[in-house]
């Protein structure tokens, strides 16, 4: 295998890890903001965190090619 092929294989894993890390970081930030200013002001942070978790799950799901 060439070095370029190895880099291409690692790219999706790295992107998925970044989505997951951002989701976790935003969740922690959301908890902190909820404790300091209240849930109603940090709601958008939790929604962004959940959106990133859903994006991570969608991107990491294997593509079977069986669409109905």
PDB file of N, CA and C in Angstrom:
ATOM      1  N   UNK A   1       0.827  -1.184   0.000  1.00  0.00           N
ATOM      2  CA  UNK A   1       0.000   0.000   0.000  1.00  0.00           C
ATOM      3  C   UNK A   1       0.871   1.246   0.000  1.00  0.00           C
ATOM      4  N   UNK A   2       0.423   2.221  -0.720  1.00  0.00           N
ATOM      5  CA  UNK A   2       1.173   3.467  -0.749  1.00  0.00           C
ATOM      6  C   UNK A   2       0.737   4.358   0.401  1.00  0.00           C
ATOM      7  N   UNK A   3       1.516   5.373   0.645  1.00  0.00           N
ATOM      8  CA  UNK A   3       1.200   6.301   1.741  1.00  0.00           C
ATOM      9  C   UNK A   3      -0.079   7.071   1.452  1.00  0.00           C
ATOM     10  N   UNK A   4      -0.315   7.399   0.181  1.00  0.00           N
ATOM     11  CA  UNK A   4      -1.525   8.143  -0.166  1.00  0.00           C
ATOM     12  C   UNK A   4      -2.773   7.322   0.113  1.00  0.00           C
ATOM     13  N   UNK A   5      -2.723   6.027  -0.169  1.00  0.00           N
ATOM     14  CA  UNK A   5      -3.874   5.173   0.083  1.00  0.00           C
ATOM     15  C   UNK A   5      -4.162   5.070   1.573  1.00  0.00           C
ATOM     16  N   UNK A   6      -3.119   4.975   2.388  1.00  0.00           N
ATOM     17  CA  UNK A   6      -3.313   4.904   3.831  1.00  0.00           C
ATOM     18  C   UNK A   6      -3.952   6.181   4.360  1.00  0.00           C
ATOM     19  N   UNK A   7      -3.541   7.324   3.828  1.00  0.00           N
ATOM     20  CA  UNK A   7      -4.124   8.594   4.264  1.00  0.00           C
ATOM     21  C   UNK A   7      -5.597   8.657   3.911  1.00  0.00           C
ATOM     22  N   UNK A   8      -5.955   8.165   2.725  1.00  0.00           N
ATOM     23  CA  UNK A   8      -7.354   8.186   2.309  1.00  0.00           C
ATOM     24  C   UNK A   8      -8.203   7.275   3.180  1.00  0.00           C
ATOM     25  N   UNK A   9      -7.666   6.151   3.605  1.00  0.00           N
ATOM     26  CA  UNK A   9      -8.410   5.229   4.456  1.00  0.00           C
ATOM     27  C   UNK A   9      -8.633   5.809   5.845  1.00  0.00           C
ATOM     28  N   UNK A  10      -7.718   6.585   6.360  1.00  0.00           N
ATOM     29  CA  UNK A  10      -7.824   7.146   7.706  1.00  0.00           C
ATOM     30  C   UNK A  10      -8.696   8.388   7.760  1.00  0.00           C
ATOM     31  N   UNK A  11      -8.949   9.032   6.644  1.00  0.00           N
ATOM     32  CA  UNK A  11      -9.705  10.276   6.655  1.00  0.00           C
ATOM     33  C   UNK A  11     -11.105  10.140   7.237  1.00  0.00           C
ATOM     34  N   UNK A  12     -11.922   9.177   6.799  1.00  0.00           N
ATOM     35  CA  UNK A  12     -13.275   9.093   7.379  1.00  0.00           C
ATOM     36  C   UNK A  12     -13.259   8.814   8.877  1.00  0.00           C
ATOM     37  N   UNK A  13     -12.338   8.026   9.337  1.00  0.00           N
ATOM     38  CA  UNK A  13     -12.265   7.738  10.767  1.00  0.00           C
ATOM     39  C   UNK A  13     -11.928   9.004  11.538  1.00  0.00           C
ATOM     40  N   UNK A  14     -11.031   9.777  11.013  1.00  0.00           N
ATOM     41  CA  UNK A  14     -10.635  11.022  11.664  1.00  0.00           C
ATOM     42  C   UNK A  14     -11.800  12.008  11.697  1.00  0.00           C
ATOM     43  N   UNK A  15     -12.531  12.133  10.598  1.00  0.00           N
ATOM     44  CA  UNK A  15     -13.671  13.055  10.567  1.00  0.00           C
ATOM     45  C   UNK A  15     -14.743  12.614  11.564  1.00  0.00           C
ATOM     46  N   UNK A  16     -15.004  11.319  11.617  1.00  0.00           N
ATOM     47  CA  UNK A  16     -16.002  10.826  12.565  1.00  0.00           C
ATOM     48  C   UNK A  16     -15.568  11.078  14.002  1.00  0.00           C
ATOM     49  N   UNK A  17     -14.290  10.929  14.271  1.00  0.00           N
ATOM     50  CA  UNK A  17     -13.788  11.207  15.617  1.00  0.00           C
ATOM     51  C   UNK A  17     -13.944  12.689  15.956  1.00  0.00           C
ATOM     52  N   UNK A  18     -13.714  13.551  14.987  1.00  0.00           N
ATOM     53  CA  UNK A  18     -13.864  14.994  15.217  1.00  0.00           C
ATOM     54  C   UNK A  18     -15.319  15.331  15.522  1.00  0.00           C
ATOM     55  N   UNK A  19     -16.273  14.749  14.782  1.00  0.00           N
ATOM     56  CA  UNK A  19     -17.696  15.004  15.060  1.00  0.00           C
ATOM     57  C   UNK A  19     -18.059  14.555  16.465  1.00  0.00           C
ATOM     58  N   UNK A  20     -17.550  13.383  16.859  1.00  0.00           N
ATOM     59  CA  UNK A  20     -17.850  12.856  18.186  1.00  0.00           C
ATOM     60  C   UNK A  20     -17.220  13.716  19.281  1.00  0.00           C
ATOM     61  N   UNK A  21     -15.985  14.149  19.072  1.00  0.00           N
ATOM     62  CA  UNK A  21     -15.307  14.984  20.064  1.00  0.00           C
ATOM     63  C   UNK A  21     -16.004  16.339  20.208  1.00  0.00           C
ATOM     64  N   UNK A  22     -16.422  16.925  19.099  1.00  0.00           N
ATOM     65  CA  UNK A  22     -17.145  18.199  19.170  1.00  0.00           C
ATOM     66  C   UNK A  22     -18.485  18.043  19.885  1.00  0.00           C
ATOM     67  N   UNK A  23     -19.171  16.946  19.615  1.00  0.00           N
ATOM     68  CA  UNK A  23     -20.449  16.696  20.287  1.00  0.00           C
ATOM     69  C   UNK A  23     -20.250  16.572  21.797  1.00  0.00           C
ATOM     70  N   UNK A  24     -19.228  15.839  22.192  1.00  0.00           N
ATOM     71  CA  UNK A  24     -18.948  15.681  23.621  1.00  0.00           C
ATOM     72  C   UNK A  24     -18.571  17.015  24.263  1.00  0.00           C
ATOM     73  N   UNK A  25     -17.731  17.786  23.584  1.00  0.00           N
ATOM     74  CA  UNK A  25     -17.315  19.084  24.124  1.00  0.00           C
ATOM     75  C   UNK A  25     -18.510  20.025  24.264  1.00  0.00           C
ATOM     76  N   UNK A  26     -19.380  20.051  23.270  1.00  0.00           N
ATOM     77  CA  UNK A  26     -20.557  20.917  23.357  1.00  0.00           C
ATOM     78  C   UNK A  26     -21.509  20.456  24.465  1.00  0.00           C
ATOM     79  N   UNK A  27     -21.587  19.156  24.680  1.00  0.00           N
ATOM     80  CA  UNK A  27     -22.434  18.656  25.768  1.00  0.00           C
ATOM     81  C   UNK A  27     -21.914  19.115  27.117  1.00  0.00           C
ATOM     82  N   UNK A  28     -20.607  19.044  27.305  1.00  0.00           N
ATOM     83  CA  UNK A  28     -19.999  19.504  28.559  1.00  0.00           C
ATOM     84  C   UNK A  28     -20.202  21.004  28.732  1.00  0.00           C
ATOM     85  N   UNK A  29     -20.021  21.760  27.660  1.00  0.00           N
ATOM     86  CA  UNK A  29     -20.248  23.206  27.706  1.00  0.00           C
ATOM     87  C   UNK A  29     -21.713  23.493  28.036  1.00  0.00           C
ATOM     88  N   UNK A  30     -22.620  22.714  27.438  1.00  0.00           N
ATOM     89  CA  UNK A  30     -24.047  22.890  27.719  1.00  0.00           C
ATOM     90  C   UNK A  30     -24.382  22.641  29.174  1.00  0.00           C
ATOM     91  N   UNK A  31     -23.778  21.624  29.768  1.00  0.00           N
ATOM     92  CA  UNK A  31     -24.007  21.357  31.193  1.00  0.00           C
ATOM     93  C   UNK A  31     -23.500  22.521  32.035  1.00  0.00           C
ATOM     94  N   UNK A  32     -22.321  23.009  31.708  1.00  0.00           N
ATOM     95  CA  UNK A  32     -21.768  24.150  32.457  1.00  0.00           C
ATOM     96  C   UNK A  32     -22.672  25.371  32.337  1.00  0.00           C
ATOM     97  N   UNK A  33     -23.118  25.662  31.130  1.00  0.00           N
ATOM     98  CA  UNK A  33     -23.984  26.821  30.932  1.00  0.00           C
ATOM     99  C   UNK A  33     -25.338  26.635  31.623  1.00  0.00           C
ATOM    100  N   UNK A  34     -25.830  25.410  31.655  1.00  0.00           N
ATOM    101  CA  UNK A  34     -27.094  25.155  32.354  1.00  0.00           C
ATOM    102  C   UNK A  34     -26.976  25.438  33.838  1.00  0.00           C
ATOM    103  N   UNK A  35     -25.838  25.094  34.404  1.00  0.00           N
ATOM    104  CA  UNK A  35     -25.645  25.324  35.831  1.00  0.00           C
ATOM    105  C   UNK A  35     -25.421  26.800  36.154  1.00  0.00           C
ATOM    106  N   UNK A  36     -24.860  27.548  35.202  1.00  0.00           N
ATOM    107  CA  UNK A  36     -24.559  28.950  35.490  1.00  0.00           C
ATOM    108  C   UNK A  36     -25.687  29.894  35.089  1.00  0.00           C
ATOM    109  N   UNK A  37     -26.251  29.740  33.890  1.00  0.00           N
ATOM    110  CA  UNK A  37     -27.268  30.699  33.440  1.00  0.00           C
ATOM    111  C   UNK A  37     -28.640  30.086  33.254  1.00  0.00           C
ATOM    112  N   UNK A  38     -28.749  28.779  33.309  1.00  0.00           N
ATOM    113  CA  UNK A  38     -30.050  28.134  33.170  1.00  0.00           C
ATOM    114  C   UNK A  38     -30.180  27.376  31.857  1.00  0.00           C
ATOM    115  N   UNK A  39     -31.090  26.413  31.867  1.00  0.00           N
ATOM    116  CA  UNK A  39     -31.257  25.531  30.713  1.00  0.00           C
ATOM    117  C   UNK A  39     -31.815  26.256  29.497  1.00  0.00           C
ATOM    118  N   UNK A  40     -32.705  27.219  29.734  1.00  0.00           N
ATOM    119  CA  UNK A  40     -33.338  27.897  28.597  1.00  0.00           C
ATOM    120  C   UNK A  40     -32.340  28.698  27.767  1.00  0.00           C
ATOM    121  N   UNK A  41     -31.229  29.101  28.357  1.00  0.00           N
ATOM    122  CA  UNK A  41     -30.212  29.833  27.609  1.00  0.00           C
ATOM    123  C   UNK A  41     -29.144  28.915  26.999  1.00  0.00           C
ATOM    124  N   UNK A  42     -29.115  27.667  27.423  1.00  0.00           N
ATOM    125  CA  UNK A  42     -28.124  26.736  26.881  1.00  0.00           C
ATOM    126  C   UNK A  42     -28.766  25.639  26.046  1.00  0.00           C
ATOM    127  N   UNK A  43     -30.048  25.757  25.793  1.00  0.00           N
ATOM    128  CA  UNK A  43     -30.781  24.757  25.022  1.00  0.00           C
ATOM    129  C   UNK A  43     -30.172  24.558  23.638  1.00  0.00           C
ATOM    130  N   UNK A  44     -29.799  25.653  22.987  1.00  0.00           N
ATOM    131  CA  UNK A  44     -29.244  25.564  21.634  1.00  0.00           C
ATOM    132  C   UNK A  44     -27.924  24.793  21.614  1.00  0.00           C
ATOM    133  N   UNK A  45     -27.171  24.853  22.701  1.00  0.00           N
ATOM    134  CA  UNK A  45     -25.901  24.113  22.767  1.00  0.00           C
ATOM    135  C   UNK A  45     -26.181  22.615  22.810  1.00  0.00           C
ATOM    136  N   UNK A  46     -27.197  22.218  23.591  1.00  0.00           N
ATOM    137  CA  UNK A  46     -27.560  20.808  23.643  1.00  0.00           C
ATOM    138  C   UNK A  46     -28.087  20.324  22.293  1.00  0.00           C
ATOM    139  N   UNK A  47     -28.871  21.148  21.612  1.00  0.00           N
ATOM    140  CA  UNK A  47     -29.397  20.756  20.310  1.00  0.00           C
ATOM    141  C   UNK A  47     -28.273  20.596  19.286  1.00  0.00           C
ATOM    142  N   UNK A  48     -27.295  21.469  19.342  1.00  0.00           N
ATOM    143  CA  UNK A  48     -26.142  21.348  18.441  1.00  0.00           C
ATOM    144  C   UNK A  48     -25.347  20.088  18.759  1.00  0.00           C
ATOM    145  N   UNK A  49     -25.206  19.775  20.024  1.00  0.00           N
ATOM    146  CA  UNK A  49     -24.504  18.561  20.433  1.00  0.00           C
ATOM    147  C   UNK A  49     -25.226  17.310  19.930  1.00  0.00           C
ATOM    148  N   UNK A  50     -26.529  17.273  20.079  1.00  0.00           N
ATOM    149  CA  UNK A  50     -27.307  16.130  19.604  1.00  0.00           C
ATOM    150  C   UNK A  50     -27.244  16.024  18.086  1.00  0.00           C
ATOM    151  N   UNK A  51     -27.267  17.163  17.405  1.00  0.00           N
ATOM    152  CA  UNK A  51     -27.150  17.146  15.943  1.00  0.00           C
ATOM    153  C   UNK A  51     -25.817  16.560  15.500  1.00  0.00           C
ATOM    154  N   UNK A  52     -24.758  16.908  16.196  1.00  0.00           N
ATOM    155  CA  UNK A  52     -23.446  16.351  15.853  1.00  0.00           C
ATOM    156  C   UNK A  52     -23.378  14.860  16.154  1.00  0.00           C
ATOM    157  N   UNK A  53     -24.043  14.413  17.217  1.00  0.00           N
ATOM    158  CA  UNK A  53     -24.097  12.977  17.499  1.00  0.00           C
ATOM    159  C   UNK A  53     -24.850  12.231  16.397  1.00  0.00           C
ATOM    160  N   UNK A  54     -25.940  12.806  15.935  1.00  0.00           N
ATOM    161  CA  UNK A  54     -26.678  12.182  14.843  1.00  0.00           C
ATOM    162  C   UNK A  54     -25.863  12.168  13.553  1.00  0.00           C
ATOM    163  N   UNK A  55     -25.139  13.241  13.297  1.00  0.00           N
ATOM    164  CA  UNK A  55     -24.271  13.293  12.123  1.00  0.00           C
ATOM    165  C   UNK A  55     -23.177  12.233  12.221  1.00  0.00           C
ATOM    166  N   UNK A  56     -22.598  12.071  13.398  1.00  0.00           N
ATOM    167  CA  UNK A  56     -21.569  11.050  13.603  1.00  0.00           C
ATOM    168  C   UNK A  56     -22.134   9.660  13.337  1.00  0.00           C
ATOM    169  N   UNK A  57     -23.325   9.413  13.854  1.00  0.00           N
ATOM    170  CA  UNK A  57     -23.941   8.093  13.645  1.00  0.00           C
ATOM    171  C   UNK A  57     -24.252   7.858  12.172  1.00  0.00           C
ATOM    172  N   UNK A  58     -24.737   8.878  11.487  1.00  0.00           N
ATOM    173  CA  UNK A  58     -25.060   8.753  10.066  1.00  0.00           C
ATOM    174  C   UNK A  58     -23.806   8.503   9.233  1.00  0.00           C
ATOM    175  N   UNK A  59     -22.743   9.218   9.535  1.00  0.00           N
ATOM    176  CA  UNK A  59     -21.504   9.077   8.771  1.00  0.00           C
ATOM    177  C   UNK A  59     -20.779   7.769   9.063  1.00  0.00           C
ATOM    178  N   UNK A  60     -20.909   7.238  10.276  1.00  0.00           N
ATOM    179  CA  UNK A  60     -20.180   6.024  10.627  1.00  0.00           C
ATOM    180  C   UNK A  60     -20.962   4.757  10.274  1.00  0.00           C
ATOM    181  N   UNK A  61     -22.224   4.907   9.886  1.00  0.00           N
ATOM    182  CA  UNK A  61     -23.032   3.757   9.514  1.00  0.00           C
ATOM    183  C   UNK A  61     -22.519   3.174   8.201  1.00  0.00           C
ATOM    184  N   UNK A  62     -22.317   1.862   8.147  1.00  0.00           N
ATOM    185  CA  UNK A  62     -21.814   1.276   6.902  1.00  0.00           C
ATOM    186  C   UNK A  62     -22.854   1.373   5.792  1.00  0.00           C
ATOM    187  N   UNK A  63     -22.380   1.631   4.600  1.00  0.00           N
ATOM    188  CA  UNK A  63     -23.251   1.776   3.441  1.00  0.00           C
ATOM    189  C   UNK A  63     -23.412   0.415   2.775  1.00  0.00           C
ATOM    190  N   UNK A  64     -24.612  -0.192   2.922  1.00  0.00           N
ATOM    191  CA  UNK A  64     -24.863  -1.509   2.355  1.00  0.00           C
ATOM    192  C   UNK A  64     -25.195  -1.439   0.871  1.00  0.00           C
ATOM    193  N   UNK A  65     -25.814  -0.359   0.464  1.00  0.00           N
ATOM    194  CA  UNK A  65     -26.255  -0.252  -0.913  1.00  0.00           C
ATOM    195  C   UNK A  65     -27.648  -0.840  -1.111  1.00  0.00           C
ATOM    196  N   UNK A  66     -28.252  -1.324  -0.040  1.00  0.00           N
ATOM    197  CA  UNK A  66     -29.596  -1.892  -0.104  1.00  0.00           C
ATOM    198  C   UNK A  66     -30.612  -0.806   0.255  1.00  0.00           C
ATOM    199  N   UNK A  67     -30.997  -0.017  -0.720  1.00  0.00           N
ATOM    200  CA  UNK A  67     -32.000   1.006  -0.479  1.00  0.00           C
ATOM    201  C   UNK A  67     -33.313   0.532  -1.059  1.00  0.00           C
ATOM    202  N   UNK A  68     -34.367   0.702  -0.313  1.00  0.00           N
ATOM    203  CA  UNK A  68     -35.695   0.254  -0.768  1.00  0.00           C
ATOM    204  C   UNK A  68     -36.594   1.424  -1.020  1.00  0.00           C
TER     205      UNK A  68
END
